[in-house]
Amino acid sequence: SSIIQMAGNLGMDVVAEGVEEEIQLEILEKYGCRHFQGYLF
């Protein structure tokens, strides 16, 4: 959550690596992450 917020405040995008479960995706989206990579996809 802190990395996502900090990166956003610095004008950077964030990619979450290793997303394998829907619950991970839901949490990441809740934190404001918009880009994902992993076996879930």
Full PDB file with SEQRES, HELIX, SHEET, SSBOND, CRYST1, ORIGX, SCALE, CONECT and MASTER records, all heavy atoms in Angstrom:
SEQRES   1 A   41  SER SER ILE ILE GLN MET ALA GLY ASN LEU GLY MET ASP          
SEQRES   2 A   41  VAL VAL ALA GLU GLY VAL GLU GLU GLU ILE GLN LEU GLU          
SEQRES   3 A   41  ILE LEU GLU LYS TYR GLY CYS ARG HIS PHE GLN GLY TYR          
SEQRES   4 A   41  LEU PHE                                                      
HELIX    1 AA1 SER A    2  ASN A    9  1                                   8    
HELIX    2 AA2 GLU A   22  LYS A   30  1                                   9    
SHEET    1 AA1 2 VAL A  15  ALA A  16  0                                        
SHEET    2 AA1 2 HIS A  35  PHE A  36  1                                        
CRYST1    1.000    1.000    1.000  90.00  90.00  90.00 P 1           1          
ORIGX1      1.000000  0.000000  0.000000        0.00000                         
ORIGX2      0.000000  1.000000  0.000000        0.00000                         
ORIGX3      0.000000  0.000000  1.000000        0.00000                         
SCALE1      1.000000  0.000000  0.000000        0.00000                         
SCALE2      0.000000  1.000000  0.000000        0.00000                         
SCALE3      0.000000  0.000000  1.000000        0.00000                         
ATOM      1  N   SER A   1       0.832  -1.203   0.000  1.00  0.00           N  
ATOM      2  CA  SER A   1       0.000   0.000   0.000  1.00  0.00           C  
ATOM      3  C   SER A   1       0.873   1.261   0.000  1.00  0.00           C  
ATOM      4  O   SER A   1       0.605   2.211  -0.742  1.00  0.00           O  
ATOM      5  CB  SER A   1      -0.923  -0.016   1.219  1.00  0.00           C  
ATOM      6  OG  SER A   1      -1.622   1.195   1.325  1.00  0.00           O  
ATOM      7  N   SER A   2       1.910   1.251   0.799  1.00  0.00           N  
ATOM      8  CA  SER A   2       2.800   2.410   0.885  1.00  0.00           C  
ATOM      9  C   SER A   2       3.551   2.651  -0.412  1.00  0.00           C  
ATOM     10  O   SER A   2       3.712   3.792  -0.849  1.00  0.00           O  
ATOM     11  CB  SER A   2       3.805   2.220   2.028  1.00  0.00           C  
ATOM     12  OG  SER A   2       3.137   2.142   3.259  1.00  0.00           O  
ATOM     13  N   ILE A   3       4.021   1.569  -1.041  1.00  0.00           N  
ATOM     14  CA  ILE A   3       4.734   1.712  -2.315  1.00  0.00           C  
ATOM     15  C   ILE A   3       3.812   2.308  -3.371  1.00  0.00           C  
ATOM     16  O   ILE A   3       4.194   3.215  -4.108  1.00  0.00           O  
ATOM     17  CB  ILE A   3       5.304   0.359  -2.791  1.00  0.00           C  
ATOM     18  CG1 ILE A   3       6.440  -0.093  -1.863  1.00  0.00           C  
ATOM     19  CG2 ILE A   3       5.799   0.454  -4.238  1.00  0.00           C  
ATOM     20  CD1 ILE A   3       6.911  -1.519  -2.114  1.00  0.00           C  
ATOM     21  N   ILE A   4       2.585   1.805  -3.433  1.00  0.00           N  
ATOM     22  CA  ILE A   4       1.628   2.305  -4.430  1.00  0.00           C  
ATOM     23  C   ILE A   4       1.339   3.779  -4.200  1.00  0.00           C  
ATOM     24  O   ILE A   4       1.350   4.584  -5.143  1.00  0.00           O  
ATOM     25  CB  ILE A   4       0.338   1.461  -4.411  1.00  0.00           C  
ATOM     26  CG1 ILE A   4       0.634   0.040  -4.893  1.00  0.00           C  
ATOM     27  CG2 ILE A   4      -0.761   2.117  -5.248  1.00  0.00           C  
ATOM     28  CD1 ILE A   4      -0.486  -0.950  -4.620  1.00  0.00           C  
ATOM     29  N   GLN A   5       1.101   4.155  -2.954  1.00  0.00           N  
ATOM     30  CA  GLN A   5       0.802   5.554  -2.643  1.00  0.00           C  
ATOM     31  C   GLN A   5       2.007   6.451  -2.924  1.00  0.00           C  
ATOM     32  O   GLN A   5       1.873   7.519  -3.531  1.00  0.00           O  
ATOM     33  CB  GLN A   5       0.366   5.694  -1.186  1.00  0.00           C  
ATOM     34  CG  GLN A   5      -0.029   7.106  -0.835  1.00  0.00           C  
ATOM     35  CD  GLN A   5      -0.541   7.222   0.588  1.00  0.00           C  
ATOM     36  OE1 GLN A   5      -0.415   6.306   1.394  1.00  0.00           O  
ATOM     37  NE2 GLN A   5      -1.121   8.354   0.907  1.00  0.00           N  
ATOM     38  N   MET A   6       3.188   6.010  -2.492  1.00  0.00           N  
ATOM     39  CA  MET A   6       4.399   6.800  -2.698  1.00  0.00           C  
ATOM     40  C   MET A   6       4.671   6.980  -4.190  1.00  0.00           C  
ATOM     41  O   MET A   6       4.939   8.097  -4.643  1.00  0.00           O  
ATOM     42  CB  MET A   6       5.582   6.117  -2.027  1.00  0.00           C  
ATOM     43  CG  MET A   6       6.909   6.797  -2.268  1.00  0.00           C  
ATOM     44  SD  MET A   6       8.289   5.856  -1.583  1.00  0.00           S  
ATOM     45  CE  MET A   6       8.127   4.301  -2.460  1.00  0.00           C  
ATOM     46  N   ALA A   7       4.590   5.904  -4.950  1.00  0.00           N  
ATOM     47  CA  ALA A   7       4.847   5.994  -6.398  1.00  0.00           C  
ATOM     48  C   ALA A   7       3.853   6.950  -7.050  1.00  0.00           C  
ATOM     49  O   ALA A   7       4.240   7.770  -7.893  1.00  0.00           O  
ATOM     50  CB  ALA A   7       4.766   4.611  -7.028  1.00  0.00           C  
ATOM     51  N   GLY A   8       2.598   6.844  -6.681  1.00  0.00           N  
ATOM     52  CA  GLY A   8       1.588   7.749  -7.226  1.00  0.00           C  
ATOM     53  C   GLY A   8       1.904   9.197  -6.914  1.00  0.00           C  
ATOM     54  O   GLY A   8       1.771  10.075  -7.781  1.00  0.00           O  
ATOM     55  N   ASN A   9       2.324   9.454  -5.690  1.00  0.00           N  
ATOM     56  CA  ASN A   9       2.676  10.815  -5.295  1.00  0.00           C  
ATOM     57  C   ASN A   9       3.888  11.344  -6.055  1.00  0.00           C  
ATOM     58  O   ASN A   9       4.051  12.550  -6.217  1.00  0.00           O  
ATOM     59  CB  ASN A   9       2.937  10.893  -3.785  1.00  0.00           C  
ATOM     60  CG  ASN A   9       1.672  10.749  -2.977  1.00  0.00           C  
ATOM     61  OD1 ASN A   9       0.564  10.964  -3.468  1.00  0.00           O  
ATOM     62  ND2 ASN A   9       1.814  10.357  -1.724  1.00  0.00           N  
ATOM     63  N   LEU A  10       4.745  10.422  -6.517  1.00  0.00           N  
ATOM     64  CA  LEU A  10       5.922  10.808  -7.287  1.00  0.00           C  
ATOM     65  C   LEU A  10       5.660  10.792  -8.794  1.00  0.00           C  
ATOM     66  O   LEU A  10       6.570  11.000  -9.593  1.00  0.00           O  
ATOM     67  CB  LEU A  10       7.095   9.870  -6.959  1.00  0.00           C  
ATOM     68  CG  LEU A  10       7.643   9.988  -5.534  1.00  0.00           C  
ATOM     69  CD1 LEU A  10       8.646   8.871  -5.255  1.00  0.00           C  
ATOM     70  CD2 LEU A  10       8.272  11.352  -5.311  1.00  0.00           C  
ATOM     71  N   GLY A  11       4.412  10.529  -9.186  1.00  0.00           N  
ATOM     72  CA  GLY A  11       4.046  10.532 -10.597  1.00  0.00           C  
ATOM     73  C   GLY A  11       4.454   9.277 -11.350  1.00  0.00           C  
ATOM     74  O   GLY A  11       4.604   9.311 -12.567  1.00  0.00           O  
ATOM     75  N   MET A  12       4.640   8.186 -10.633  1.00  0.00           N  
ATOM     76  CA  MET A  12       5.045   6.924 -11.258  1.00  0.00           C  
ATOM     77  C   MET A  12       3.884   5.940 -11.284  1.00  0.00           C  
ATOM     78  O   MET A  12       3.036   5.951 -10.402  1.00  0.00           O  
ATOM     79  CB  MET A  12       6.180   6.272 -10.466  1.00  0.00           C  
ATOM     80  CG  MET A  12       7.447   7.040 -10.419  1.00  0.00           C  
ATOM     81  SD  MET A  12       8.643   6.132  -9.417  1.00  0.00           S  
ATOM     82  CE  MET A  12       9.643   7.475  -8.826  1.00  0.00           C  
ATOM     83  N   ASP A  13       3.890   5.082 -12.289  1.00  0.00           N  
ATOM     84  CA  ASP A  13       2.970   3.949 -12.324  1.00  0.00           C  
ATOM     85  C   ASP A  13       3.556   2.826 -11.486  1.00  0.00           C  
ATOM     86  O   ASP A  13       4.756   2.801 -11.212  1.00  0.00           O  
ATOM     87  CB  ASP A  13       2.787   3.443 -13.761  1.00  0.00           C  
ATOM     88  CG  ASP A  13       1.886   4.345 -14.586  1.00  0.00           C  
ATOM     89  OD1 ASP A  13       0.983   4.974 -14.013  1.00  0.00           O  
ATOM     90  OD2 ASP A  13       2.094   4.407 -15.805  1.00  0.00           O  
ATOM     91  N   VAL A  14       2.696   1.887 -11.115  1.00  0.00           N  
ATOM     92  CA  VAL A  14       3.122   0.714 -10.354  1.00  0.00           C  
ATOM     93  C   VAL A  14       2.596  -0.523 -11.056  1.00  0.00           C  
ATOM     94  O   VAL A  14       1.449  -0.560 -11.488  1.00  0.00           O  
ATOM     95  CB  VAL A  14       2.580   0.755  -8.907  1.00  0.00           C  
ATOM     96  CG1 VAL A  14       2.922  -0.526  -8.166  1.00  0.00           C  
ATOM     97  CG2 VAL A  14       3.118   1.955  -8.160  1.00  0.00           C  
ATOM     98  N   VAL A  15       3.455  -1.543 -11.149  1.00  0.00           N  
ATOM     99  CA  VAL A  15       3.054  -2.856 -11.641  1.00  0.00           C  
ATOM    100  C   VAL A  15       3.257  -3.824 -10.488  1.00  0.00           C  
ATOM    101  O   VAL A  15       4.334  -3.873  -9.896  1.00  0.00           O  
ATOM    102  CB  VAL A  15       3.907  -3.310 -12.850  1.00  0.00           C  
ATOM    103  CG1 VAL A  15       3.535  -4.730 -13.264  1.00  0.00           C  
ATOM    104  CG2 VAL A  15       3.747  -2.348 -14.011  1.00  0.00           C  
ATOM    105  N   ALA A  16       2.219  -4.574 -10.153  1.00  0.00           N  
ATOM    106  CA  ALA A  16       2.337  -5.608  -9.122  1.00  0.00           C  
ATOM    107  C   ALA A  16       2.692  -6.915  -9.811  1.00  0.00           C  
ATOM    108  O   ALA A  16       1.957  -7.391 -10.669  1.00  0.00           O  
ATOM    109  CB  ALA A  16       1.028  -5.739  -8.354  1.00  0.00           C  
ATOM    110  N   GLU A  17       3.823  -7.490  -9.429  1.00  0.00           N  
ATOM    111  CA  GLU A  17       4.282  -8.747 -10.017  1.00  0.00           C  
ATOM    112  C   GLU A  17       3.751  -9.932  -9.214  1.00  0.00           C  
ATOM    113  O   GLU A  17       3.556  -9.834  -8.005  1.00  0.00           O  
ATOM    114  CB  GLU A  17       5.814  -8.827 -10.002  1.00  0.00           C  
ATOM    115  CG  GLU A  17       6.503  -7.798 -10.846  1.00  0.00           C  
ATOM    116  CD  GLU A  17       8.009  -7.940 -10.786  1.00  0.00           C  
ATOM    117  OE1 GLU A  17       8.590  -7.954  -9.689  1.00  0.00           O  
ATOM    118  OE2 GLU A  17       8.604  -8.033 -11.865  1.00  0.00           O  
ATOM    119  N   GLY A  18       3.546 -11.039  -9.889  1.00  0.00           N  
ATOM    120  CA  GLY A  18       3.212 -12.283  -9.203  1.00  0.00           C  
ATOM    121  C   GLY A  18       1.785 -12.387  -8.726  1.00  0.00           C  
ATOM    122  O   GLY A  18       1.515 -13.094  -7.748  1.00  0.00           O  
ATOM    123  N   VAL A  19       0.854 -11.719  -9.387  1.00  0.00           N  
ATOM    124  CA  VAL A  19      -0.554 -11.808  -8.990  1.00  0.00           C  
ATOM    125  C   VAL A  19      -1.094 -13.156  -9.467  1.00  0.00           C  
ATOM    126  O   VAL A  19      -1.141 -13.426 -10.659  1.00  0.00           O  
ATOM    127  CB  VAL A  19      -1.378 -10.641  -9.585  1.00  0.00           C  
ATOM    128  CG1 VAL A  19      -2.837 -10.756  -9.180  1.00  0.00           C  
ATOM    129  CG2 VAL A  19      -0.787  -9.300  -9.165  1.00  0.00           C  
ATOM    130  N   GLU A  20      -1.478 -13.989  -8.498  1.00  0.00           N  
ATOM    131  CA  GLU A  20      -1.931 -15.337  -8.829  1.00  0.00           C  
ATOM    132  C   GLU A  20      -3.347 -15.629  -8.343  1.00  0.00           C  
ATOM    133  O   GLU A  20      -3.948 -16.609  -8.767  1.00  0.00           O  
ATOM    134  CB  GLU A  20      -0.966 -16.373  -8.234  1.00  0.00           C  
ATOM    135  CG  GLU A  20       0.419 -16.266  -8.817  1.00  0.00           C  
ATOM    136  CD  GLU A  20       1.390 -17.294  -8.267  1.00  0.00           C  
ATOM    137  OE1 GLU A  20       0.990 -18.103  -7.395  1.00  0.00           O  
ATOM    138  OE2 GLU A  20       2.549 -17.289  -8.701  1.00  0.00           O  
ATOM    139  N   GLU A  21      -3.872 -14.799  -7.451  1.00  0.00           N  
ATOM    140  CA  GLU A  21      -5.188 -15.054  -6.868  1.00  0.00           C  
ATOM    141  C   GLU A  21      -6.066 -13.811  -6.978  1.00  0.00           C  
ATOM    142  O   GLU A  21      -5.580 -12.684  -6.900  1.00  0.00           O  
ATOM    143  CB  GLU A  21      -5.044 -15.434  -5.391  1.00  0.00           C  
ATOM    144  CG  GLU A  21      -4.178 -16.659  -5.159  1.00  0.00           C  
ATOM    145  CD  GLU A  21      -3.849 -16.868  -3.687  1.00  0.00           C  
ATOM    146  OE1 GLU A  21      -4.339 -16.093  -2.834  1.00  0.00           O  
ATOM    147  OE2 GLU A  21      -3.082 -17.801  -3.386  1.00  0.00           O  
ATOM    148  N   GLU A  22      -7.377 -14.049  -7.120  1.00  0.00           N  
ATOM    149  CA  GLU A  22      -8.340 -12.936  -7.207  1.00  0.00           C  
ATOM    150  C   GLU A  22      -8.247 -12.017  -5.991  1.00  0.00           C  
ATOM    151  O   GLU A  22      -8.361 -10.802  -6.126  1.00  0.00           O  
ATOM    152  CB  GLU A  22      -9.765 -13.477  -7.334  1.00  0.00           C  
ATOM    153  CG  GLU A  22     -10.145 -13.903  -8.733  1.00  0.00           C  
ATOM    154  CD  GLU A  22     -10.300 -12.742  -9.709  1.00  0.00           C  
ATOM    155  OE1 GLU A  22     -10.614 -11.611  -9.302  1.00  0.00           O  
ATOM    156  OE2 GLU A  22     -10.100 -12.990 -10.910  1.00  0.00           O  
ATOM    157  N   ILE A  23      -8.049 -12.590  -4.802  1.00  0.00           N  
ATOM    158  CA  ILE A  23      -8.000 -11.773  -3.588  1.00  0.00           C  
ATOM    159  C   ILE A  23      -6.822 -10.800  -3.648  1.00  0.00           C  
ATOM    160  O   ILE A  23      -6.925  -9.659  -3.204  1.00  0.00           O  
ATOM    161  CB  ILE A  23      -7.965 -12.636  -2.295  1.00  0.00           C  
ATOM    162  CG1 ILE A  23      -8.092 -11.769  -1.049  1.00  0.00           C  
ATOM    163  CG2 ILE A  23      -6.704 -13.479  -2.221  1.00  0.00           C  
ATOM    164  CD1 ILE A  23      -9.436 -11.155  -0.858  1.00  0.00           C  
ATOM    165  N   GLN A  24      -5.705 -11.231  -4.214  1.00  0.00           N  
ATOM    166  CA  GLN A  24      -4.561 -10.338  -4.380  1.00  0.00           C  
ATOM    167  C   GLN A  24      -4.923  -9.185  -5.308  1.00  0.00           C  
ATOM    168  O   GLN A  24      -4.632  -8.022  -5.013  1.00  0.00           O  
ATOM    169  CB  GLN A  24      -3.357 -11.096  -4.946  1.00  0.00           C  
ATOM    170  CG  GLN A  24      -2.796 -12.148  -4.020  1.00  0.00           C  
ATOM    171  CD  GLN A  24      -1.819 -13.073  -4.725  1.00  0.00           C  
ATOM    172  OE1 GLN A  24      -1.937 -13.338  -5.928  1.00  0.00           O  
ATOM    173  NE2 GLN A  24      -0.847 -13.587  -3.975  1.00  0.00           N  
ATOM    174  N   LEU A  25      -5.580  -9.504  -6.413  1.00  0.00           N  
ATOM    175  CA  LEU A  25      -6.000  -8.487  -7.365  1.00  0.00           C  
ATOM    176  C   LEU A  25      -6.957  -7.492  -6.712  1.00  0.00           C  
ATOM    177  O   LEU A  25      -6.809  -6.278  -6.863  1.00  0.00           O  
ATOM    178  CB  LEU A  25      -6.666  -9.143  -8.582  1.00  0.00           C  
ATOM    179  CG  LEU A  25      -7.213  -8.204  -9.656  1.00  0.00           C  
ATOM    180  CD1 LEU A  25      -6.102  -7.373 -10.276  1.00  0.00           C  
ATOM    181  CD2 LEU A  25      -7.949  -9.003 -10.718  1.00  0.00           C  
ATOM    182  N   GLU A  26      -7.911  -7.994  -5.955  1.00  0.00           N  
ATOM    183  CA  GLU A  26      -8.882  -7.119  -5.286  1.00  0.00           C  
ATOM    184  C   GLU A  26      -8.198  -6.170  -4.312  1.00  0.00           C  
ATOM    185  O   GLU A  26      -8.513  -4.967  -4.272  1.00  0.00           O  
ATOM    186  CB  GLU A  26      -9.923  -7.969  -4.547  1.00  0.00           C  
ATOM    187  CG  GLU A  26     -10.861  -8.711  -5.473  1.00  0.00           C  
ATOM    188  CD  GLU A  26     -11.748  -9.711  -4.732  1.00  0.00           C  
ATOM    189  OE1 GLU A  26     -11.865  -9.623  -3.494  1.00  0.00           O  
ATOM    190  OE2 GLU A  26     -12.303 -10.594  -5.410  1.00  0.00           O  
ATOM    191  N   ILE A  27      -7.257  -6.688  -3.534  1.00  0.00           N  
ATOM    192  CA  ILE A  27      -6.542  -5.844  -2.568  1.00  0.00           C  
ATOM    193  C   ILE A  27      -5.705  -4.795  -3.298  1.00  0.00           C  
ATOM    194  O   ILE A  27      -5.722  -3.611  -2.934  1.00  0.00           O  
ATOM    195  CB  ILE A  27      -5.668  -6.708  -1.634  1.00  0.00           C  
ATOM    196  CG1 ILE A  27      -6.553  -7.572  -0.740  1.00  0.00           C  
ATOM    197  CG2 ILE A  27      -4.731  -5.834  -0.801  1.00  0.00           C  
ATOM    198  CD1 ILE A  27      -5.813  -8.656   0.023  1.00  0.00           C  
ATOM    199  N   LEU A  28      -5.004  -5.216  -4.316  1.00  0.00           N  
ATOM    200  CA  LEU A  28      -4.168  -4.286  -5.082  1.00  0.00           C  
ATOM    201  C   LEU A  28      -5.002  -3.187  -5.726  1.00  0.00           C  
ATOM    202  O   LEU A  28      -4.619  -2.010  -5.705  1.00  0.00           O  
ATOM    203  CB  LEU A  28      -3.368  -5.041  -6.144  1.00  0.00           C  
ATOM    204  CG  LEU A  28      -2.252  -5.935  -5.598  1.00  0.00           C  
ATOM    205  CD1 LEU A  28      -1.831  -6.972  -6.628  1.00  0.00           C  
ATOM    206  CD2 LEU A  28      -1.063  -5.088  -5.156  1.00  0.00           C  
ATOM    207  N   GLU A  29      -6.148  -3.553  -6.281  1.00  0.00           N  
ATOM    208  CA  GLU A  29      -7.042  -2.547  -6.868  1.00  0.00           C  
ATOM    209  C   GLU A  29      -7.549  -1.591  -5.794  1.00  0.00           C  
ATOM    210  O   GLU A  29      -7.639  -0.385  -6.033  1.00  0.00           O  
ATOM    211  CB  GLU A  29      -8.202  -3.226  -7.579  1.00  0.00           C  
ATOM    212  CG  GLU A  29      -7.800  -3.864  -8.899  1.00  0.00           C  
ATOM    213  CD  GLU A  29      -8.957  -4.562  -9.589  1.00  0.00           C  
ATOM    214  OE1 GLU A  29      -9.786  -5.211  -8.899  1.00  0.00           O  
ATOM    215  OE2 GLU A  29      -9.035  -4.471 -10.834  1.00  0.00           O  
ATOM    216  N   LYS A  30      -7.863  -2.120  -4.632  1.00  0.00           N  
ATOM    217  CA  LYS A  30      -8.328  -1.274  -3.522  1.00  0.00           C  
ATOM    218  C   LYS A  30      -7.258  -0.254  -3.131  1.00  0.00           C  
ATOM    219  O   LYS A  30      -7.559   0.887  -2.808  1.00  0.00           O  
ATOM    220  CB  LYS A  30      -8.694  -2.147  -2.313  1.00  0.00           C  
ATOM    221  CG  LYS A  30      -9.198  -1.362  -1.116  1.00  0.00           C  
ATOM    222  CD  LYS A  30      -9.552  -2.278   0.034  1.00  0.00           C  
ATOM    223  CE  LYS A  30      -8.308  -2.519   0.832  1.00  0.00           C  
ATOM    224  NZ  LYS A  30      -8.482  -3.250   2.065  1.00  0.00           N  
ATOM    225  N   TYR A  31      -5.993  -0.657  -3.223  1.00  0.00           N  
ATOM    226  CA  TYR A  31      -4.883   0.242  -2.894  1.00  0.00           C  
ATOM    227  C   TYR A  31      -4.573   1.225  -4.022  1.00  0.00           C  
ATOM    228  O   TYR A  31      -3.750   2.111  -3.854  1.00  0.00           O  
ATOM    229  CB  TYR A  31      -3.626  -0.550  -2.570  1.00  0.00           C  
ATOM    230  CG  TYR A  31      -3.682  -1.336  -1.282  1.00  0.00           C  
ATOM    231  CD1 TYR A  31      -2.821  -2.401  -1.088  1.00  0.00           C  
ATOM    232  CD2 TYR A  31      -4.574  -1.029  -0.263  1.00  0.00           C  
ATOM    233  CE1 TYR A  31      -2.849  -3.141   0.080  1.00  0.00           C  
ATOM    234  CE2 TYR A  31      -4.612  -1.770   0.905  1.00  0.00           C  
ATOM    235  CZ  TYR A  31      -3.750  -2.819   1.076  1.00  0.00           C  
ATOM    236  OH  TYR A  31      -3.764  -3.552   2.227  1.00  0.00           O  
ATOM    237  N   GLY A  32      -5.202   1.041  -5.188  1.00  0.00           N  
ATOM    238  CA  GLY A  32      -4.995   1.969  -6.295  1.00  0.00           C  
ATOM    239  C   GLY A  32      -4.032   1.487  -7.366  1.00  0.00           C  
ATOM    240  O   GLY A  32      -3.696   2.249  -8.270  1.00  0.00           O  
ATOM    241  N   CYS A  33      -3.610   0.244  -7.284  1.00  0.00           N  
ATOM    242  CA  CYS A  33      -2.739  -0.306  -8.330  1.00  0.00           C  
ATOM    243  C   CYS A  33      -3.595  -0.596  -9.558  1.00  0.00           C  
ATOM    244  O   CYS A  33      -4.693  -1.125  -9.455  1.00  0.00           O  
ATOM    245  CB  CYS A  33      -2.064  -1.586  -7.829  1.00  0.00           C  
ATOM    246  SG  CYS A  33      -0.799  -2.218  -8.950  1.00  0.00           S  
ATOM    247  N   ARG A  34      -3.059  -0.243 -10.749  1.00  0.00           N  
ATOM    248  CA  ARG A  34      -3.826  -0.429 -11.983  1.00  0.00           C  
ATOM    249  C   ARG A  34      -3.170  -1.379 -12.968  1.00  0.00           C  
ATOM    250  O   ARG A  34      -3.750  -1.709 -14.002  1.00  0.00           O  
ATOM    251  CB  ARG A  34      -4.038   0.922 -12.662  1.00  0.00           C  
ATOM    252  CG  ARG A  34      -4.805   1.915 -11.828  1.00  0.00           C  
ATOM    253  CD  ARG A  34      -5.062   3.225 -12.574  1.00  0.00           C  
ATOM    254  NE  ARG A  34      -4.235   3.408 -13.731  1.00  0.00           N  
ATOM    255  CZ  ARG A  34      -3.362   4.407 -13.908  1.00  0.00           C  
ATOM    256  NH1 ARG A  34      -3.225   5.321 -12.996  1.00  0.00           N  
ATOM    257  NH2 ARG A  34      -2.652   4.513 -15.007  1.00  0.00           N  
ATOM    258  N   HIS A  35      -1.940  -1.799 -12.689  1.00  0.00           N  
ATOM    259  CA  HIS A  35      -1.215  -2.654 -13.620  1.00  0.00           C  
ATOM    260  C   HIS A  35      -0.730  -3.897 -12.887  1.00  0.00           C  
ATOM    261  O   HIS A  35      -0.176  -3.796 -11.789  1.00  0.00           O  
ATOM    262  CB  HIS A  35      -0.032  -1.908 -14.232  1.00  0.00           C  
ATOM    263  CG  HIS A  35      -0.402  -0.600 -14.842  1.00  0.00           C  
ATOM    264  ND1 HIS A  35      -1.132  -0.506 -16.010  1.00  0.00           N  
ATOM    265  CD2 HIS A  35      -0.177   0.668 -14.445  1.00  0.00           C  
ATOM    266  CE1 HIS A  35      -1.321   0.769 -16.300  1.00  0.00           C  
ATOM    267  NE2 HIS A  35      -0.750   1.502 -15.359  1.00  0.00           N  
ATOM    268  N   PHE A  36      -0.943  -5.047 -13.521  1.00  0.00           N  
ATOM    269  CA  PHE A  36      -0.685  -6.316 -12.858  1.00  0.00           C  
ATOM    270  C   PHE A  36       0.021  -7.273 -13.794  1.00  0.00           C  
ATOM    271  O   PHE A  36      -0.128  -7.184 -15.007  1.00  0.00           O  
ATOM    272  CB  PHE A  36      -2.010  -6.944 -12.397  1.00  0.00           C  
ATOM    273  CG  PHE A  36      -2.911  -5.960 -11.732  1.00  0.00           C  
ATOM    274  CD1 PHE A  36      -3.915  -5.322 -12.457  1.00  0.00           C  
ATOM    275  CD2 PHE A  36      -2.747  -5.639 -10.402  1.00  0.00           C  
ATOM    276  CE1 PHE A  36      -4.742  -4.401 -11.868  1.00  0.00           C  
ATOM    277  CE2 PHE A  36      -3.576  -4.704  -9.799  1.00  0.00           C  
ATOM    278  CZ  PHE A  36      -4.572  -4.085 -10.532  1.00  0.00           C  
ATOM    279  N   GLN A  37       0.715  -8.218 -13.191  1.00  0.00           N  
ATOM    280  CA  GLN A  37       1.432  -9.230 -13.951  1.00  0.00           C  
ATOM    281  C   GLN A  37       1.386 -10.503 -13.128  1.00  0.00           C  
ATOM    282  O   GLN A  37       1.592 -10.474 -11.925  1.00  0.00           O  
ATOM    283  CB  GLN A  37       2.873  -8.747 -14.126  1.00  0.00           C  
ATOM    284  CG  GLN A  37       3.820  -9.672 -14.782  1.00  0.00           C  
ATOM    285  CD  GLN A  37       5.193  -9.016 -14.904  1.00  0.00           C  
ATOM    286  OE1 GLN A  37       5.316  -7.807 -15.020  1.00  0.00           O  
ATOM    287  NE2 GLN A  37       6.221  -9.814 -14.865  1.00  0.00           N  
ATOM    288  N   GLY A  38       1.074 -11.620 -13.761  1.00  0.00           N  
ATOM    289  CA  GLY A  38       1.104 -12.871 -13.025  1.00  0.00           C  
ATOM    290  C   GLY A  38       0.239 -13.940 -13.641  1.00  0.00           C  
ATOM    291  O   GLY A  38      -0.493 -13.712 -14.605  1.00  0.00           O  
ATOM    292  N   TYR A  39       0.313 -15.108 -13.052  1.00  0.00           N  
ATOM    293  CA  TYR A  39      -0.393 -16.284 -13.569  1.00  0.00           C  
ATOM    294  C   TYR A  39      -1.900 -16.158 -13.494  1.00  0.00           C  
ATOM    295  O   TYR A  39      -2.608 -16.895 -14.164  1.00  0.00           O  
ATOM    296  CB  TYR A  39       0.052 -17.539 -12.824  1.00  0.00           C  
ATOM    297  CG  TYR A  39       1.457 -17.998 -13.166  1.00  0.00           C  
ATOM    298  CD1 TYR A  39       2.098 -18.939 -12.384  1.00  0.00           C  
ATOM    299  CD2 TYR A  39       2.132 -17.502 -14.276  1.00  0.00           C  
ATOM    300  CE1 TYR A  39       3.376 -19.382 -12.688  1.00  0.00           C  
ATOM    301  CE2 TYR A  39       3.412 -17.928 -14.580  1.00  0.00           C  
ATOM    302  CZ  TYR A  39       4.031 -18.871 -13.786  1.00  0.00           C  
ATOM    303  OH  TYR A  39       5.278 -19.315 -14.094  1.00  0.00           O  
ATOM    304  N   LEU A  40      -2.435 -15.253 -12.695  1.00  0.00           N  
ATOM    305  CA  LEU A  40      -3.883 -15.045 -12.682  1.00  0.00           C  
ATOM    306  C   LEU A  40      -4.362 -14.664 -14.078  1.00  0.00           C  
ATOM    307  O   LEU A  40      -5.467 -15.017 -14.483  1.00  0.00           O  
ATOM    308  CB  LEU A  40      -4.266 -13.958 -11.673  1.00  0.00           C  
ATOM    309  CG  LEU A  40      -5.753 -13.624 -11.572  1.00  0.00           C  
ATOM    310  CD1 LEU A  40      -6.548 -14.838 -11.087  1.00  0.00           C  
ATOM    311  CD2 LEU A  40      -5.979 -12.450 -10.634  1.00  0.00           C  
ATOM    312  N   PHE A  41      -3.529 -13.978 -14.823  1.00  0.00           N  
ATOM    313  CA  PHE A  41      -3.892 -13.504 -16.154  1.00  0.00           C  
ATOM    314  C   PHE A  41      -3.437 -14.461 -17.242  1.00  0.00           C  
ATOM    315  O   PHE A  41      -4.152 -14.694 -18.203  1.00  0.00           O  
ATOM    316  CB  PHE A  41      -3.312 -12.110 -16.386  1.00  0.00           C  
ATOM    317  CG  PHE A  41      -3.621 -11.177 -15.253  1.00  0.00           C  
ATOM    318  CD1 PHE A  41      -2.634 -10.813 -14.350  1.00  0.00           C  
ATOM    319  CD2 PHE A  41      -4.901 -10.719 -15.053  1.00  0.00           C  
ATOM    320  CE1 PHE A  41      -2.917  -9.983 -13.285  1.00  0.00           C  
ATOM    321  CE2 PHE A  41      -5.199  -9.889 -13.980  1.00  0.00           C  
ATOM    322  CZ  PHE A  41      -4.209  -9.528 -13.089  1.00  0.00           C  
TER     323      PHE A  41                                                      
MASTER        0    0    0    2    2    0    0    6  322    1    0    4          
END                                                                             
